[in-house]
N, C-alpha and C. Protein backbone atom coordinates (compact mmCIF):
# COMPACT_ATOMS: atom_id res chain seq x y z
N UNK A 1 6.42 7.92 20.39
CA UNK A 1 7.16 8.12 19.17
C UNK A 1 7.19 9.59 18.83
N UNK A 2 8.35 10.06 18.43
CA UNK A 2 8.50 11.46 18.11
C UNK A 2 7.89 11.82 16.75
N UNK A 3 7.94 10.90 15.82
CA UNK A 3 7.48 11.21 14.48
C UNK A 3 6.80 10.00 13.85
N UNK A 4 5.74 10.31 13.15
CA UNK A 4 5.01 9.28 12.41
C UNK A 4 5.36 9.41 10.91
N UNK A 5 5.58 8.27 10.26
CA UNK A 5 5.93 8.26 8.85
C UNK A 5 4.76 7.68 8.04
N UNK A 6 4.74 8.04 6.76
CA UNK A 6 3.82 7.43 5.84
C UNK A 6 4.56 6.41 4.99
N UNK A 7 4.14 5.17 5.02
CA UNK A 7 4.76 4.10 4.26
C UNK A 7 3.86 3.70 3.09
N UNK A 8 4.46 3.62 1.92
CA UNK A 8 3.75 3.12 0.76
C UNK A 8 4.25 1.72 0.46
N UNK A 9 3.37 0.76 0.61
CA UNK A 9 3.67 -0.67 0.36
C UNK A 9 3.07 -1.06 -0.97
N UNK A 10 3.92 -1.50 -1.89
CA UNK A 10 3.48 -1.95 -3.21
C UNK A 10 3.79 -3.43 -3.30
N UNK A 11 2.75 -4.22 -3.47
CA UNK A 11 2.94 -5.66 -3.47
C UNK A 11 2.10 -6.33 -4.53
N UNK A 12 2.76 -7.11 -5.39
CA UNK A 12 2.03 -7.82 -6.44
C UNK A 12 1.56 -9.19 -5.99
N UNK A 13 1.85 -9.53 -4.73
CA UNK A 13 1.34 -10.78 -4.14
C UNK A 13 1.10 -10.54 -2.65
N UNK A 14 0.46 -11.48 -2.00
CA UNK A 14 0.16 -11.32 -0.57
C UNK A 14 1.43 -11.59 0.22
N UNK A 15 2.02 -10.52 0.72
CA UNK A 15 3.20 -10.62 1.57
C UNK A 15 3.37 -9.29 2.28
N UNK A 16 4.14 -9.29 3.35
CA UNK A 16 4.40 -8.06 4.06
C UNK A 16 3.41 -7.71 5.14
N UNK A 17 2.49 -8.62 5.43
CA UNK A 17 1.45 -8.29 6.41
C UNK A 17 2.05 -8.08 7.82
N UNK A 18 3.11 -8.79 8.17
CA UNK A 18 3.75 -8.56 9.46
C UNK A 18 4.35 -7.17 9.53
N UNK A 19 4.99 -6.74 8.44
CA UNK A 19 5.55 -5.39 8.39
C UNK A 19 4.46 -4.33 8.53
N UNK A 20 3.36 -4.52 7.85
CA UNK A 20 2.24 -3.58 7.89
C UNK A 20 1.72 -3.45 9.32
N UNK A 21 1.52 -4.59 9.99
CA UNK A 21 1.04 -4.58 11.37
C UNK A 21 2.01 -3.82 12.30
N UNK A 22 3.29 -4.15 12.17
CA UNK A 22 4.29 -3.54 13.05
C UNK A 22 4.38 -2.05 12.81
N UNK A 23 4.40 -1.62 11.56
CA UNK A 23 4.47 -0.20 11.25
C UNK A 23 3.28 0.54 11.83
N UNK A 24 2.09 -0.01 11.65
CA UNK A 24 0.87 0.63 12.19
C UNK A 24 0.88 0.66 13.70
N UNK A 25 1.32 -0.42 14.33
CA UNK A 25 1.38 -0.46 15.79
C UNK A 25 2.36 0.57 16.35
N UNK A 26 3.37 0.93 15.56
CA UNK A 26 4.33 1.96 15.95
C UNK A 26 3.82 3.37 15.67
N UNK A 27 2.62 3.46 15.12
CA UNK A 27 1.98 4.75 14.89
C UNK A 27 2.17 5.32 13.51
N UNK A 28 2.67 4.54 12.57
CA UNK A 28 2.88 5.02 11.21
C UNK A 28 1.63 4.80 10.37
N UNK A 29 1.52 5.57 9.32
CA UNK A 29 0.43 5.42 8.36
C UNK A 29 0.90 4.48 7.25
N UNK A 30 0.08 3.53 6.87
CA UNK A 30 0.46 2.54 5.86
C UNK A 30 -0.55 2.59 4.71
N UNK A 31 -0.04 2.78 3.51
CA UNK A 31 -0.84 2.79 2.29
C UNK A 31 -0.43 1.58 1.48
N UNK A 32 -1.41 0.81 1.02
CA UNK A 32 -1.12 -0.42 0.28
C UNK A 32 -1.62 -0.31 -1.14
N UNK A 33 -0.75 -0.70 -2.09
CA UNK A 33 -1.13 -0.91 -3.48
C UNK A 33 -0.87 -2.36 -3.80
N UNK A 34 -1.92 -3.05 -4.24
CA UNK A 34 -1.78 -4.45 -4.64
C UNK A 34 -2.72 -4.71 -5.79
N UNK A 35 -2.70 -5.92 -6.32
CA UNK A 35 -3.55 -6.24 -7.45
C UNK A 35 -4.98 -6.55 -7.03
N UNK A 36 -5.91 -6.35 -7.95
CA UNK A 36 -7.31 -6.68 -7.69
C UNK A 36 -7.47 -8.13 -7.23
N UNK A 37 -6.63 -9.00 -7.76
CA UNK A 37 -6.76 -10.42 -7.41
C UNK A 37 -6.32 -10.72 -5.97
N UNK A 38 -5.76 -9.74 -5.29
CA UNK A 38 -5.36 -9.93 -3.89
C UNK A 38 -6.22 -9.11 -2.92
N UNK A 39 -7.29 -8.56 -3.45
CA UNK A 39 -8.19 -7.74 -2.64
C UNK A 39 -8.78 -8.51 -1.46
N UNK A 40 -9.08 -9.79 -1.66
CA UNK A 40 -9.71 -10.59 -0.63
C UNK A 40 -8.74 -11.39 0.23
N UNK A 41 -7.44 -11.19 0.00
CA UNK A 41 -6.44 -11.85 0.83
C UNK A 41 -6.52 -11.27 2.25
N UNK A 42 -6.00 -12.00 3.23
CA UNK A 42 -6.17 -11.53 4.63
C UNK A 42 -5.21 -10.40 5.05
N UNK A 43 -5.26 -9.31 4.30
CA UNK A 43 -4.47 -8.13 4.67
C UNK A 43 -4.97 -7.61 6.01
N UNK A 44 -4.12 -7.03 6.82
CA UNK A 44 -4.59 -6.43 8.08
C UNK A 44 -5.23 -5.07 7.82
N UNK A 45 -6.42 -5.10 7.21
CA UNK A 45 -7.08 -3.86 6.80
C UNK A 45 -7.32 -2.91 7.96
N UNK A 46 -7.46 -3.45 9.17
CA UNK A 46 -7.64 -2.55 10.32
C UNK A 46 -6.37 -1.76 10.62
N UNK A 47 -5.23 -2.15 10.07
CA UNK A 47 -3.95 -1.48 10.28
C UNK A 47 -3.53 -0.63 9.08
N UNK A 48 -4.26 -0.75 7.96
CA UNK A 48 -3.92 -0.05 6.73
C UNK A 48 -4.73 1.24 6.64
N UNK A 49 -4.03 2.35 6.42
CA UNK A 49 -4.68 3.64 6.34
C UNK A 49 -5.58 3.71 5.12
N UNK A 50 -5.07 3.27 3.99
CA UNK A 50 -5.86 3.30 2.75
C UNK A 50 -5.25 2.27 1.80
N UNK A 51 -6.10 1.62 1.01
CA UNK A 51 -5.63 0.61 0.06
C UNK A 51 -6.12 0.92 -1.33
N UNK A 52 -5.31 0.51 -2.32
CA UNK A 52 -5.61 0.75 -3.72
C UNK A 52 -5.32 -0.53 -4.49
N UNK A 53 -6.03 -0.73 -5.60
CA UNK A 53 -5.92 -1.98 -6.34
C UNK A 53 -5.64 -1.72 -7.80
N UNK A 54 -4.61 -2.39 -8.29
CA UNK A 54 -4.28 -2.32 -9.72
C UNK A 54 -5.07 -3.40 -10.46
N UNK A 55 -5.58 -3.08 -11.66
CA UNK A 55 -6.33 -4.07 -12.43
C UNK A 55 -5.41 -5.17 -12.96
N UNK A 56 -6.00 -6.31 -13.20
CA UNK A 56 -5.25 -7.43 -13.76
C UNK A 56 -4.96 -8.49 -12.72
N UNK A 57 -4.57 -9.65 -13.19
CA UNK A 57 -4.32 -10.79 -12.30
C UNK A 57 -2.84 -11.04 -12.05
N UNK A 58 -1.97 -10.32 -12.75
CA UNK A 58 -0.55 -10.59 -12.60
C UNK A 58 0.17 -9.27 -12.35
N UNK A 59 0.62 -9.06 -11.13
CA UNK A 59 1.28 -7.83 -10.74
C UNK A 59 2.56 -7.58 -11.49
N UNK A 60 3.10 -8.56 -12.11
CA UNK A 60 4.33 -8.35 -12.86
C UNK A 60 4.04 -7.75 -14.23
N UNK A 61 2.77 -7.57 -14.55
CA UNK A 61 2.38 -6.97 -15.81
C UNK A 61 1.44 -5.79 -15.60
N UNK A 62 1.57 -5.09 -14.50
CA UNK A 62 0.75 -3.90 -14.28
C UNK A 62 1.16 -2.83 -15.28
N UNK A 63 0.21 -1.96 -15.58
CA UNK A 63 0.50 -0.79 -16.41
C UNK A 63 1.23 0.23 -15.52
N UNK A 64 2.52 0.34 -15.73
CA UNK A 64 3.34 1.19 -14.86
C UNK A 64 3.00 2.66 -14.96
N UNK A 65 2.51 3.08 -16.12
CA UNK A 65 2.06 4.47 -16.26
C UNK A 65 0.89 4.76 -15.33
N UNK A 66 -0.06 3.80 -15.27
CA UNK A 66 -1.20 3.93 -14.36
C UNK A 66 -0.74 3.96 -12.91
N UNK A 67 0.21 3.08 -12.58
CA UNK A 67 0.74 3.03 -11.23
C UNK A 67 1.39 4.34 -10.86
N UNK A 68 2.21 4.90 -11.75
CA UNK A 68 2.89 6.19 -11.49
C UNK A 68 1.87 7.30 -11.29
N UNK A 69 0.86 7.34 -12.17
CA UNK A 69 -0.16 8.39 -12.04
C UNK A 69 -0.93 8.26 -10.72
N UNK A 70 -1.25 7.02 -10.34
CA UNK A 70 -1.96 6.82 -9.09
C UNK A 70 -1.13 7.23 -7.88
N UNK A 71 0.15 6.88 -7.87
CA UNK A 71 1.02 7.26 -6.77
C UNK A 71 1.19 8.77 -6.74
N UNK A 72 1.35 9.41 -7.90
CA UNK A 72 1.46 10.87 -7.94
C UNK A 72 0.22 11.54 -7.38
N UNK A 73 -0.94 11.01 -7.72
CA UNK A 73 -2.19 11.57 -7.20
C UNK A 73 -2.26 11.40 -5.67
N UNK A 74 -1.88 10.24 -5.18
CA UNK A 74 -1.87 9.99 -3.74
C UNK A 74 -0.94 10.98 -3.04
N UNK A 75 0.22 11.21 -3.63
CA UNK A 75 1.23 12.05 -2.97
C UNK A 75 0.85 13.53 -3.00
N UNK A 76 -0.17 13.89 -3.77
CA UNK A 76 -0.66 15.28 -3.74
C UNK A 76 -1.42 15.54 -2.45
N UNK A 77 -1.94 14.49 -1.84
CA UNK A 77 -2.78 14.71 -0.64
C UNK A 77 -2.24 14.10 0.62
N UNK A 78 -1.25 13.23 0.53
CA UNK A 78 -0.65 12.64 1.75
C UNK A 78 0.85 12.65 1.61
N UNK A 79 1.55 12.69 2.74
CA UNK A 79 3.02 12.68 2.73
C UNK A 79 3.47 11.22 2.83
N UNK A 80 4.24 10.80 1.85
CA UNK A 80 4.84 9.47 1.84
C UNK A 80 6.31 9.65 2.18
N UNK A 81 6.73 9.06 3.27
CA UNK A 81 8.13 9.16 3.68
C UNK A 81 8.99 7.99 3.27
N UNK A 82 8.39 6.84 3.20
CA UNK A 82 9.15 5.64 2.91
C UNK A 82 8.42 4.78 1.91
């Protein structure tokens, strides 16, 4: 592969694990943001570069200001392409 991309996956429920595996197998970096209540779900952690957890049990009610601040902090140290 000529170029590796950084993917930011934001998921309020357990989904997208096939995408995460495929992206990582193609040599891309995958960053996951999900809720604390999905921390123990069978994410392919061996394929995820770094994972972050939002507090609360319902991803549809996350504090979006906290999410924006966390993503901004992440983007200060890593390049997110997609």
